[in-house]
């Protein structure tokens, strides 16, 4: 089975190319998130581990009894999984650490630029975004936003794929309006015009 970090696999999953796989992943993630709204992370983790252990122990006992009755010697039912290599190599760890380091440094530089007002317009946009997020935070908690994000991830790509022309048209209109308003604001605020790069 391909790993989740495989881009093609992830895209196929989000675009519902294989309905059974997408449905299984979507429903599992949604069930986990809804469980977290009712129970603590520790409880959900413990229940998931108990469910997995119950399934594997039951299957192992069933296969052992079946082998004893049929007098066969098939061996351990999970032998192929037990022999599978699951360790991360030093190269993989180094690659992911480099990506995390690059992302962290980029975020820190951007936050420094915004908080120390290197560009007044960008800092004002950031302030408006933070102000809007205070209202979002008052309406939703983080888990609810995460559930909405997962539902959006599994629905928006398909909706966009089916109605791409209409969505692009409306997004273009909105982008034109926003650029017009930002341009007017930049013209009225002294020192807010962007330097030509």
N, C-alpha and C. Protein backbone atom coordinates (compact mmCIF):
# COMPACT_ATOMS: atom_id res chain seq x y z
N UNK A 1 0.84 -1.19 0.00
CA UNK A 1 0.00 0.00 0.00
C UNK A 1 0.88 1.24 0.00
N UNK A 2 0.61 2.23 -0.84
CA UNK A 2 1.43 3.42 -0.89
C UNK A 2 1.31 4.21 0.41
N UNK A 3 2.36 4.94 0.73
CA UNK A 3 2.35 5.74 1.94
C UNK A 3 1.61 7.05 1.71
N UNK A 4 1.14 7.64 2.81
CA UNK A 4 0.31 8.84 2.73
C UNK A 4 1.07 10.05 2.19
N UNK A 5 2.42 10.07 2.31
CA UNK A 5 3.17 11.22 1.82
C UNK A 5 3.40 11.17 0.32
N UNK A 6 2.96 10.14 -0.35
CA UNK A 6 3.05 10.05 -1.78
C UNK A 6 2.03 11.01 -2.38
N UNK A 7 2.49 11.99 -3.17
CA UNK A 7 1.61 13.04 -3.69
C UNK A 7 0.49 12.48 -4.55
N UNK A 8 0.82 11.57 -5.43
CA UNK A 8 -0.21 11.01 -6.32
C UNK A 8 -1.28 10.28 -5.52
N UNK A 9 -0.83 9.52 -4.53
CA UNK A 9 -1.78 8.78 -3.68
C UNK A 9 -2.69 9.75 -2.94
N UNK A 10 -2.12 10.82 -2.40
CA UNK A 10 -2.92 11.81 -1.66
C UNK A 10 -3.92 12.50 -2.58
N UNK A 11 -3.49 12.87 -3.78
CA UNK A 11 -4.39 13.52 -4.73
C UNK A 11 -5.52 12.58 -5.13
N UNK A 12 -5.17 11.32 -5.42
CA UNK A 12 -6.19 10.33 -5.76
C UNK A 12 -7.18 10.14 -4.61
N UNK A 13 -6.67 10.20 -3.40
CA UNK A 13 -7.51 10.05 -2.21
C UNK A 13 -8.49 11.22 -2.09
N UNK A 14 -7.99 12.44 -2.26
CA UNK A 14 -8.84 13.62 -2.10
C UNK A 14 -9.81 13.82 -3.26
N UNK A 15 -9.46 13.33 -4.44
CA UNK A 15 -10.35 13.44 -5.60
C UNK A 15 -11.26 12.22 -5.75
N UNK A 16 -11.23 11.32 -4.78
CA UNK A 16 -12.10 10.15 -4.74
C UNK A 16 -11.93 9.27 -5.98
N UNK A 17 -10.69 9.09 -6.45
CA UNK A 17 -10.45 8.23 -7.61
C UNK A 17 -10.77 6.77 -7.27
N UNK A 18 -10.42 6.36 -6.04
CA UNK A 18 -10.78 5.04 -5.52
C UNK A 18 -11.76 5.29 -4.37
N UNK A 19 -13.04 5.12 -4.65
CA UNK A 19 -14.09 5.50 -3.70
C UNK A 19 -13.97 4.74 -2.38
N UNK A 20 -13.64 3.46 -2.45
CA UNK A 20 -13.54 2.67 -1.22
C UNK A 20 -12.43 3.19 -0.32
N UNK A 21 -11.25 3.45 -0.89
CA UNK A 21 -10.13 3.95 -0.09
C UNK A 21 -10.44 5.34 0.47
N UNK A 22 -10.94 6.22 -0.37
CA UNK A 22 -11.26 7.58 0.09
C UNK A 22 -12.32 7.54 1.17
N UNK A 23 -13.35 6.72 0.97
CA UNK A 23 -14.40 6.60 1.97
C UNK A 23 -13.88 6.07 3.29
N UNK A 24 -12.99 5.07 3.22
CA UNK A 24 -12.43 4.50 4.45
C UNK A 24 -11.59 5.52 5.20
N UNK A 25 -10.72 6.23 4.48
CA UNK A 25 -9.87 7.22 5.13
C UNK A 25 -10.71 8.37 5.68
N UNK A 26 -11.63 8.88 4.86
CA UNK A 26 -12.48 10.01 5.27
C UNK A 26 -13.30 9.65 6.51
N UNK A 27 -13.97 8.50 6.48
CA UNK A 27 -14.81 8.12 7.61
C UNK A 27 -13.97 7.82 8.85
N UNK A 28 -12.79 7.22 8.70
CA UNK A 28 -11.93 6.94 9.84
C UNK A 28 -11.45 8.23 10.50
N UNK A 29 -10.98 9.16 9.69
CA UNK A 29 -10.50 10.44 10.24
C UNK A 29 -11.64 11.19 10.90
N UNK A 30 -12.79 11.22 10.25
CA UNK A 30 -13.95 11.92 10.81
C UNK A 30 -14.40 11.27 12.12
N UNK A 31 -14.43 9.95 12.15
CA UNK A 31 -14.81 9.24 13.37
C UNK A 31 -13.83 9.55 14.50
N UNK A 32 -12.54 9.57 14.19
CA UNK A 32 -11.53 9.90 15.18
C UNK A 32 -11.74 11.32 15.72
N UNK A 33 -11.97 12.27 14.83
CA UNK A 33 -12.16 13.66 15.26
C UNK A 33 -13.44 13.84 16.07
N UNK A 34 -14.52 13.19 15.66
CA UNK A 34 -15.76 13.27 16.44
C UNK A 34 -15.58 12.60 17.80
N UNK A 35 -14.80 11.52 17.85
CA UNK A 35 -14.52 10.87 19.14
C UNK A 35 -13.76 11.82 20.06
N UNK A 36 -12.83 12.57 19.47
CA UNK A 36 -12.06 13.52 20.28
C UNK A 36 -12.91 14.66 20.82
N UNK A 37 -14.06 14.93 20.18
CA UNK A 37 -14.94 15.97 20.72
C UNK A 37 -15.65 15.49 21.98
N UNK A 38 -15.78 14.17 22.14
CA UNK A 38 -16.49 13.62 23.29
C UNK A 38 -15.56 13.07 24.38
N UNK A 39 -14.38 12.60 23.99
CA UNK A 39 -13.47 11.96 24.93
C UNK A 39 -12.10 12.61 24.85
N UNK A 40 -11.28 12.37 25.86
CA UNK A 40 -9.93 12.92 25.85
C UNK A 40 -9.06 12.16 24.84
N UNK A 41 -7.94 12.75 24.48
CA UNK A 41 -7.02 12.13 23.54
C UNK A 41 -6.51 10.80 24.10
N UNK A 42 -6.24 10.77 25.40
CA UNK A 42 -5.74 9.56 26.04
C UNK A 42 -6.79 8.44 25.93
N UNK A 43 -8.06 8.77 26.22
CA UNK A 43 -9.12 7.76 26.14
C UNK A 43 -9.29 7.24 24.72
N UNK A 44 -9.32 8.15 23.76
CA UNK A 44 -9.49 7.74 22.36
C UNK A 44 -8.32 6.86 21.92
N UNK A 45 -7.10 7.26 22.27
CA UNK A 45 -5.93 6.45 21.93
C UNK A 45 -5.98 5.07 22.56
N UNK A 46 -6.38 5.02 23.84
CA UNK A 46 -6.47 3.74 24.53
C UNK A 46 -7.55 2.85 23.91
N UNK A 47 -8.70 3.42 23.60
CA UNK A 47 -9.78 2.63 22.99
C UNK A 47 -9.38 2.12 21.60
N UNK A 48 -8.70 2.97 20.82
CA UNK A 48 -8.24 2.52 19.50
C UNK A 48 -7.23 1.38 19.63
N UNK A 49 -6.31 1.50 20.58
CA UNK A 49 -5.32 0.45 20.79
C UNK A 49 -6.00 -0.84 21.25
N UNK A 50 -6.98 -0.72 22.15
CA UNK A 50 -7.70 -1.91 22.61
C UNK A 50 -8.49 -2.56 21.47
N UNK A 51 -9.09 -1.75 20.63
CA UNK A 51 -9.84 -2.31 19.49
C UNK A 51 -8.90 -3.04 18.54
N UNK A 52 -7.75 -2.41 18.24
CA UNK A 52 -6.79 -3.05 17.34
C UNK A 52 -6.25 -4.34 17.95
N UNK A 53 -5.91 -4.30 19.24
CA UNK A 53 -5.41 -5.51 19.91
C UNK A 53 -6.47 -6.60 19.94
N UNK A 54 -7.71 -6.25 20.21
CA UNK A 54 -8.79 -7.25 20.22
C UNK A 54 -8.91 -7.92 18.87
N UNK A 55 -8.84 -7.13 17.81
CA UNK A 55 -8.96 -7.69 16.46
C UNK A 55 -7.78 -8.60 16.13
N UNK A 56 -6.55 -8.15 16.42
CA UNK A 56 -5.38 -8.97 16.06
C UNK A 56 -5.27 -10.22 16.91
N UNK A 57 -5.56 -10.11 18.22
CA UNK A 57 -5.50 -11.29 19.10
C UNK A 57 -6.57 -12.30 18.69
N UNK A 58 -7.77 -11.81 18.42
CA UNK A 58 -8.85 -12.71 17.99
C UNK A 58 -8.48 -13.41 16.69
N UNK A 59 -7.93 -12.68 15.73
CA UNK A 59 -7.54 -13.27 14.45
C UNK A 59 -6.44 -14.30 14.65
N UNK A 60 -5.47 -13.98 15.51
CA UNK A 60 -4.35 -14.91 15.77
C UNK A 60 -4.88 -16.20 16.40
N UNK A 61 -5.77 -16.09 17.38
CA UNK A 61 -6.34 -17.27 18.03
C UNK A 61 -7.17 -18.07 17.02
N UNK A 62 -7.97 -17.39 16.21
CA UNK A 62 -8.79 -18.06 15.19
C UNK A 62 -7.91 -18.86 14.23
N UNK A 63 -6.82 -18.23 13.75
CA UNK A 63 -5.94 -18.92 12.81
C UNK A 63 -5.23 -20.10 13.48
N UNK A 64 -4.86 -19.96 14.75
CA UNK A 64 -4.20 -21.05 15.47
C UNK A 64 -5.14 -22.24 15.64
N UNK A 65 -6.39 -21.96 16.01
CA UNK A 65 -7.38 -23.03 16.15
C UNK A 65 -7.64 -23.69 14.80
N UNK A 66 -7.77 -22.89 13.76
CA UNK A 66 -8.01 -23.41 12.41
C UNK A 66 -6.86 -24.31 11.96
N UNK A 67 -5.62 -23.89 12.26
CA UNK A 67 -4.45 -24.70 11.89
C UNK A 67 -4.43 -26.01 12.68
N UNK A 68 -4.84 -25.94 13.96
CA UNK A 68 -4.85 -27.15 14.78
C UNK A 68 -5.91 -28.13 14.29
N UNK A 69 -7.08 -27.62 13.91
CA UNK A 69 -8.17 -28.48 13.45
C UNK A 69 -7.82 -29.09 12.09
N UNK A 70 -7.28 -28.27 11.20
CA UNK A 70 -6.96 -28.75 9.85
C UNK A 70 -5.60 -29.43 9.78
N UNK A 71 -4.87 -29.39 10.88
CA UNK A 71 -3.54 -29.99 10.98
C UNK A 71 -2.60 -29.48 9.87
N UNK A 72 -2.59 -28.14 9.72
CA UNK A 72 -1.69 -27.50 8.77
C UNK A 72 -0.66 -26.68 9.54
N UNK A 73 0.38 -26.30 8.85
CA UNK A 73 1.42 -25.49 9.50
C UNK A 73 1.70 -24.26 8.64
N UNK A 74 0.76 -23.33 8.67
CA UNK A 74 0.91 -22.10 7.87
C UNK A 74 1.79 -21.07 8.57
N UNK A 75 2.01 -21.24 9.85
CA UNK A 75 2.85 -20.29 10.59
C UNK A 75 2.04 -19.13 11.13
N UNK A 76 2.75 -18.13 11.52
CA UNK A 76 2.14 -16.93 12.12
C UNK A 76 1.34 -16.18 11.06
N UNK A 77 0.07 -15.80 11.35
CA UNK A 77 -0.74 -15.13 10.33
C UNK A 77 -0.24 -13.73 9.96
N UNK A 78 0.54 -13.12 10.83
CA UNK A 78 1.04 -11.77 10.55
C UNK A 78 2.53 -11.79 10.21
N UNK A 79 3.03 -12.94 9.75
CA UNK A 79 4.46 -13.10 9.50
C UNK A 79 4.98 -12.08 8.49
N UNK A 80 4.25 -11.85 7.41
CA UNK A 80 4.72 -10.90 6.39
C UNK A 80 4.81 -9.49 6.94
N UNK A 81 3.89 -9.13 7.85
CA UNK A 81 3.93 -7.80 8.45
C UNK A 81 5.05 -7.69 9.48
N UNK A 82 5.30 -8.79 10.19
CA UNK A 82 6.37 -8.78 11.19
C UNK A 82 7.75 -8.67 10.55
N UNK A 83 7.89 -9.19 9.33
CA UNK A 83 9.17 -9.14 8.63
C UNK A 83 9.36 -7.87 7.82
N UNK A 84 8.31 -7.06 7.70
CA UNK A 84 8.39 -5.83 6.93
C UNK A 84 9.26 -4.80 7.64
N UNK A 85 10.11 -4.13 6.89
CA UNK A 85 11.00 -3.11 7.46
C UNK A 85 10.20 -1.82 7.66
N UNK A 86 10.20 -1.32 8.90
CA UNK A 86 9.43 -0.09 9.17
C UNK A 86 10.31 1.03 9.72
N UNK A 87 11.60 0.79 9.88
CA UNK A 87 12.49 1.81 10.43
C UNK A 87 12.74 2.91 9.40
N UNK A 88 12.86 4.12 9.91
CA UNK A 88 13.20 5.25 9.05
C UNK A 88 14.71 5.29 8.87
N UNK A 89 15.14 5.55 7.64
CA UNK A 89 16.58 5.65 7.40
C UNK A 89 17.08 7.03 7.82
N UNK A 90 18.38 7.13 7.98
CA UNK A 90 18.99 8.42 8.35
C UNK A 90 18.71 9.46 7.28
N UNK A 91 18.70 9.04 6.00
CA UNK A 91 18.42 9.97 4.90
C UNK A 91 17.00 10.53 4.99
N UNK A 92 16.02 9.65 5.30
CA UNK A 92 14.64 10.11 5.42
C UNK A 92 14.50 11.11 6.57
N UNK A 93 15.09 10.78 7.72
CA UNK A 93 15.02 11.67 8.87
C UNK A 93 15.67 13.00 8.55
N UNK A 94 16.81 12.96 7.89
CA UNK A 94 17.53 14.18 7.52
C UNK A 94 16.71 15.02 6.54
N UNK A 95 16.06 14.36 5.56
CA UNK A 95 15.24 15.07 4.57
C UNK A 95 14.08 15.78 5.25
N UNK A 96 13.36 15.07 6.14
CA UNK A 96 12.22 15.68 6.81
C UNK A 96 12.66 16.76 7.79
N UNK A 97 13.79 16.54 8.47
CA UNK A 97 14.30 17.56 9.39
C UNK A 97 14.67 18.83 8.63
N UNK A 98 15.27 18.67 7.45
CA UNK A 98 15.62 19.84 6.63
C UNK A 98 14.37 20.60 6.19
N UNK A 99 13.32 19.86 5.81
CA UNK A 99 12.07 20.51 5.40
C UNK A 99 11.46 21.28 6.56
N UNK A 100 11.44 20.65 7.75
CA UNK A 100 10.88 21.30 8.93
C UNK A 100 11.69 22.54 9.29
N UNK A 101 13.01 22.43 9.22
CA UNK A 101 13.88 23.56 9.52
C UNK A 101 13.64 24.72 8.54
N UNK A 102 13.54 24.41 7.26
CA UNK A 102 13.29 25.43 6.25
C UNK A 102 11.95 26.12 6.50
N UNK A 103 10.92 25.33 6.77
CA UNK A 103 9.58 25.87 7.03
C UNK A 103 9.58 26.74 8.28
N UNK A 104 10.23 26.28 9.34
CA UNK A 104 10.29 27.04 10.59
C UNK A 104 11.01 28.36 10.39
N UNK A 105 12.16 28.33 9.71
CA UNK A 105 12.91 29.57 9.46
C UNK A 105 12.12 30.55 8.61
N UNK A 106 11.42 30.04 7.59
CA UNK A 106 10.61 30.90 6.73
C UNK A 106 9.49 31.55 7.54
N UNK A 107 8.83 30.77 8.38
CA UNK A 107 7.75 31.32 9.22
C UNK A 107 8.27 32.37 10.18
N UNK A 108 9.42 32.10 10.80
CA UNK A 108 9.97 33.07 11.75
C UNK A 108 10.34 34.38 11.06
N UNK A 109 10.93 34.30 9.88
CA UNK A 109 11.29 35.51 9.14
C UNK A 109 10.05 36.29 8.74
N UNK A 110 9.00 35.58 8.30
CA UNK A 110 7.76 36.25 7.88
C UNK A 110 7.09 36.91 9.08
N UNK A 111 7.03 36.22 10.22
CA UNK A 111 6.42 36.80 11.42
C UNK A 111 7.21 38.02 11.89
N UNK A 112 8.52 37.93 11.85
CA UNK A 112 9.35 39.09 12.23
C UNK A 112 9.04 40.27 11.32
N UNK A 113 8.93 40.01 10.03
CA UNK A 113 8.64 41.06 9.05
C UNK A 113 7.28 41.70 9.32
N UNK A 114 6.28 40.86 9.68
CA UNK A 114 4.94 41.38 9.92
C UNK A 114 4.85 42.14 11.25
N UNK A 115 5.43 41.59 12.31
CA UNK A 115 5.32 42.23 13.62
C UNK A 115 6.17 43.48 13.74
N UNK A 116 7.27 43.55 13.01
CA UNK A 116 8.13 44.74 13.07
C UNK A 116 7.82 45.72 11.95
N UNK A 117 6.71 45.53 11.26
CA UNK A 117 6.13 46.43 10.27
C UNK A 117 7.14 46.84 9.20
N UNK A 118 7.73 45.84 8.56
CA UNK A 118 8.61 46.14 7.44
C UNK A 118 7.80 46.71 6.29
N UNK A 119 6.59 46.17 6.08
CA UNK A 119 5.66 46.68 5.07
C UNK A 119 4.34 46.97 5.78
N UNK A 120 3.94 48.23 5.81
CA UNK A 120 2.76 48.64 6.56
C UNK A 120 1.50 47.93 6.08
N UNK A 121 1.32 47.80 4.78
CA UNK A 121 0.11 47.18 4.23
C UNK A 121 0.03 45.71 4.64
N UNK A 122 1.15 44.99 4.52
CA UNK A 122 1.14 43.58 4.91
C UNK A 122 0.86 43.42 6.40
N UNK A 123 1.41 44.29 7.22
CA UNK A 123 1.17 44.22 8.67
C UNK A 123 -0.28 44.54 8.98
N UNK A 124 -0.89 45.48 8.26
CA UNK A 124 -2.30 45.79 8.46
C UNK A 124 -3.18 44.62 8.02
N UNK A 125 -2.83 43.98 6.91
CA UNK A 125 -3.58 42.78 6.47
C UNK A 125 -3.50 41.69 7.54
N UNK A 126 -2.31 41.51 8.11
CA UNK A 126 -2.12 40.51 9.14
C UNK A 126 -2.94 40.85 10.38
N UNK A 127 -2.98 42.13 10.73
CA UNK A 127 -3.78 42.57 11.89
C UNK A 127 -5.26 42.31 11.65
N UNK A 128 -5.75 42.58 10.45
CA UNK A 128 -7.15 42.32 10.12
C UNK A 128 -7.43 40.82 10.18
N UNK A 129 -6.51 40.02 9.67
CA UNK A 129 -6.67 38.56 9.73
C UNK A 129 -6.74 38.08 11.18
N UNK A 130 -5.86 38.58 12.03
CA UNK A 130 -5.87 38.18 13.44
C UNK A 130 -7.17 38.63 14.12
N UNK A 131 -7.64 39.81 13.77
CA UNK A 131 -8.90 40.32 14.33
C UNK A 131 -10.07 39.42 13.91
N UNK A 132 -10.09 39.01 12.63
CA UNK A 132 -11.13 38.10 12.16
C UNK A 132 -11.03 36.74 12.85
N UNK A 133 -9.81 36.29 13.10
CA UNK A 133 -9.63 35.01 13.76
C UNK A 133 -10.13 35.03 15.21
N UNK A 134 -10.17 36.21 15.83
CA UNK A 134 -10.74 36.27 17.18
C UNK A 134 -12.23 35.92 17.14
N UNK A 135 -12.91 36.35 16.08
CA UNK A 135 -14.33 36.00 15.93
C UNK A 135 -14.51 34.52 15.59
N UNK A 136 -13.64 34.00 14.74
CA UNK A 136 -13.69 32.57 14.41
C UNK A 136 -13.45 31.75 15.67
N UNK A 137 -12.47 32.16 16.48
CA UNK A 137 -12.17 31.46 17.72
C UNK A 137 -13.32 31.51 18.72
N UNK A 138 -14.10 32.60 18.69
CA UNK A 138 -15.24 32.71 19.60
C UNK A 138 -16.37 31.77 19.15
N UNK A 139 -16.46 31.49 17.86
CA UNK A 139 -17.53 30.63 17.34
C UNK A 139 -17.17 29.14 17.34
N UNK A 140 -15.91 28.84 17.06
CA UNK A 140 -15.49 27.44 16.91
C UNK A 140 -14.26 27.18 17.78
N UNK A 141 -14.14 25.94 18.25
CA UNK A 141 -12.88 25.57 18.88
C UNK A 141 -11.98 24.93 17.81
N UNK A 142 -10.75 24.64 18.18
CA UNK A 142 -9.79 24.11 17.21
C UNK A 142 -10.20 22.79 16.59
N UNK A 143 -10.84 21.93 17.39
CA UNK A 143 -11.25 20.62 16.89
C UNK A 143 -12.36 20.75 15.85
N UNK A 144 -13.28 21.68 16.08
CA UNK A 144 -14.35 21.92 15.10
C UNK A 144 -13.76 22.42 13.79
N UNK A 145 -12.78 23.32 13.88
CA UNK A 145 -12.11 23.82 12.67
C UNK A 145 -11.37 22.69 11.95
N UNK A 146 -10.79 21.79 12.73
CA UNK A 146 -10.10 20.65 12.12
C UNK A 146 -11.08 19.74 11.40
N UNK A 147 -12.24 19.51 11.99
CA UNK A 147 -13.28 18.69 11.34
C UNK A 147 -13.74 19.37 10.05
N UNK A 148 -13.96 20.69 10.10
CA UNK A 148 -14.37 21.42 8.90
C UNK A 148 -13.28 21.36 7.82
N UNK A 149 -12.01 21.42 8.25
CA UNK A 149 -10.91 21.33 7.29
C UNK A 149 -10.87 19.96 6.61
N UNK A 150 -11.08 18.89 7.38
CA UNK A 150 -11.06 17.54 6.80
C UNK A 150 -12.22 17.37 5.83
N UNK A 151 -13.41 17.83 6.22
CA UNK A 151 -14.58 17.73 5.32
C UNK A 151 -14.30 18.53 4.04
N UNK A 152 -13.73 19.72 4.20
CA UNK A 152 -13.41 20.55 3.02
C UNK A 152 -12.37 19.88 2.13
N UNK A 153 -11.37 19.26 2.74
CA UNK A 153 -10.33 18.59 1.95
C UNK A 153 -10.89 17.48 1.08
N UNK A 154 -11.93 16.82 1.57
CA UNK A 154 -12.48 15.70 0.82
C UNK A 154 -13.64 16.11 -0.09
N UNK A 155 -14.15 17.33 0.04
CA UNK A 155 -15.27 17.75 -0.81
C UNK A 155 -14.89 18.83 -1.81
N UNK A 156 -14.08 19.80 -1.40
CA UNK A 156 -13.75 20.93 -2.27
C UNK A 156 -13.06 20.54 -3.58
N UNK A 157 -12.06 19.64 -3.56
CA UNK A 157 -11.43 19.29 -4.85
C UNK A 157 -12.41 18.72 -5.86
N UNK A 158 -13.34 17.89 -5.40
CA UNK A 158 -14.31 17.28 -6.31
C UNK A 158 -15.27 18.34 -6.84
N UNK A 159 -15.74 19.21 -5.95
CA UNK A 159 -16.64 20.29 -6.37
C UNK A 159 -15.93 21.20 -7.37
N UNK A 160 -14.67 21.55 -7.08
CA UNK A 160 -13.92 22.42 -7.99
C UNK A 160 -13.71 21.74 -9.34
N UNK A 161 -13.40 20.46 -9.33
CA UNK A 161 -13.16 19.73 -10.57
C UNK A 161 -14.41 19.73 -11.46
N UNK A 162 -15.60 19.62 -10.83
CA UNK A 162 -16.85 19.56 -11.59
C UNK A 162 -17.31 20.94 -12.06
N UNK A 163 -17.02 21.98 -11.29
CA UNK A 163 -17.52 23.32 -11.60
C UNK A 163 -16.38 24.33 -11.73
N UNK A 164 -15.29 23.93 -12.34
CA UNK A 164 -14.09 24.76 -12.40
C UNK A 164 -14.32 26.09 -13.13
N UNK A 165 -15.01 26.08 -14.23
CA UNK A 165 -15.19 27.31 -15.01
C UNK A 165 -15.95 28.38 -14.21
N UNK A 166 -17.06 27.98 -13.59
CA UNK A 166 -17.86 28.95 -12.82
C UNK A 166 -17.08 29.46 -11.61
N UNK A 167 -16.39 28.56 -10.91
CA UNK A 167 -15.64 28.97 -9.72
C UNK A 167 -14.52 29.92 -10.10
N UNK A 168 -13.79 29.60 -11.17
CA UNK A 168 -12.71 30.48 -11.62
C UNK A 168 -13.22 31.86 -11.99
N UNK A 169 -14.40 31.91 -12.61
CA UNK A 169 -14.98 33.20 -12.99
C UNK A 169 -15.28 34.05 -11.75
N UNK A 170 -15.91 33.44 -10.74
CA UNK A 170 -16.25 34.19 -9.53
C UNK A 170 -15.02 34.56 -8.72
N UNK A 171 -14.05 33.68 -8.67
CA UNK A 171 -12.80 34.00 -7.96
C UNK A 171 -12.09 35.16 -8.65
N UNK A 172 -12.10 35.18 -9.96
CA UNK A 172 -11.50 36.29 -10.70
C UNK A 172 -12.18 37.61 -10.39
N UNK A 173 -13.51 37.60 -10.32
CA UNK A 173 -14.24 38.82 -9.96
C UNK A 173 -13.90 39.29 -8.55
N UNK A 174 -13.85 38.36 -7.62
CA UNK A 174 -13.52 38.70 -6.23
C UNK A 174 -12.10 39.24 -6.14
N UNK A 175 -11.17 38.58 -6.83
CA UNK A 175 -9.77 39.03 -6.81
C UNK A 175 -9.64 40.45 -7.37
N UNK A 176 -10.38 40.75 -8.44
CA UNK A 176 -10.35 42.09 -9.02
C UNK A 176 -10.86 43.13 -8.02
N UNK A 177 -11.95 42.81 -7.33
CA UNK A 177 -12.51 43.73 -6.34
C UNK A 177 -11.55 43.95 -5.17
N UNK A 178 -10.97 42.86 -4.67
CA UNK A 178 -10.03 42.97 -3.55
C UNK A 178 -8.82 43.79 -3.95
N UNK A 179 -8.26 43.54 -5.13
CA UNK A 179 -7.10 44.32 -5.59
C UNK A 179 -7.45 45.78 -5.74
N UNK A 180 -8.66 46.07 -6.19
CA UNK A 180 -9.10 47.46 -6.33
C UNK A 180 -9.17 48.15 -4.98
N UNK A 181 -9.76 47.47 -3.99
CA UNK A 181 -9.88 48.05 -2.64
C UNK A 181 -8.51 48.24 -2.02
N UNK A 182 -7.62 47.24 -2.15
CA UNK A 182 -6.28 47.35 -1.59
C UNK A 182 -5.52 48.50 -2.26
N UNK A 183 -5.68 48.64 -3.56
CA UNK A 183 -5.04 49.74 -4.27
C UNK A 183 -5.52 51.10 -3.77
N UNK A 184 -6.82 51.24 -3.53
CA UNK A 184 -7.36 52.50 -3.00
C UNK A 184 -6.83 52.78 -1.61
N UNK A 185 -6.75 51.75 -0.77
CA UNK A 185 -6.25 51.94 0.59
C UNK A 185 -4.78 52.33 0.56
N UNK A 186 -4.00 51.67 -0.29
CA UNK A 186 -2.58 51.99 -0.41
C UNK A 186 -2.39 53.43 -0.89
N UNK A 187 -3.24 53.90 -1.76
CA UNK A 187 -3.13 55.26 -2.27
C UNK A 187 -3.43 56.29 -1.18
N UNK A 188 -4.30 55.96 -0.24
CA UNK A 188 -4.70 56.92 0.80
C UNK A 188 -3.77 56.94 1.99
N UNK A 189 -3.07 55.83 2.27
CA UNK A 189 -2.18 55.79 3.43
C UNK A 189 -0.79 56.26 3.01
N UNK A 190 -0.28 57.30 3.67
CA UNK A 190 1.05 57.79 3.32
C UNK A 190 2.12 56.75 3.66
N UNK A 191 3.02 56.52 2.74
CA UNK A 191 4.11 55.58 2.96
C UNK A 191 3.70 54.12 2.78
N UNK A 192 2.47 53.87 2.35
CA UNK A 192 2.00 52.49 2.23
C UNK A 192 2.20 51.93 0.83
N UNK A 193 2.62 52.75 -0.12
CA UNK A 193 2.82 52.23 -1.48
C UNK A 193 4.00 51.29 -1.49
N UNK A 194 3.82 50.18 -2.18
CA UNK A 194 4.88 49.19 -2.26
C UNK A 194 6.02 49.71 -3.15
N UNK A 195 7.23 49.38 -2.72
CA UNK A 195 8.38 49.71 -3.55
C UNK A 195 8.44 48.74 -4.71
N UNK A 196 8.80 49.21 -5.87
CA UNK A 196 8.92 48.34 -7.03
C UNK A 196 10.11 47.42 -6.80
N UNK A 197 9.86 46.11 -6.89
CA UNK A 197 10.95 45.14 -6.64
C UNK A 197 11.58 44.72 -7.93
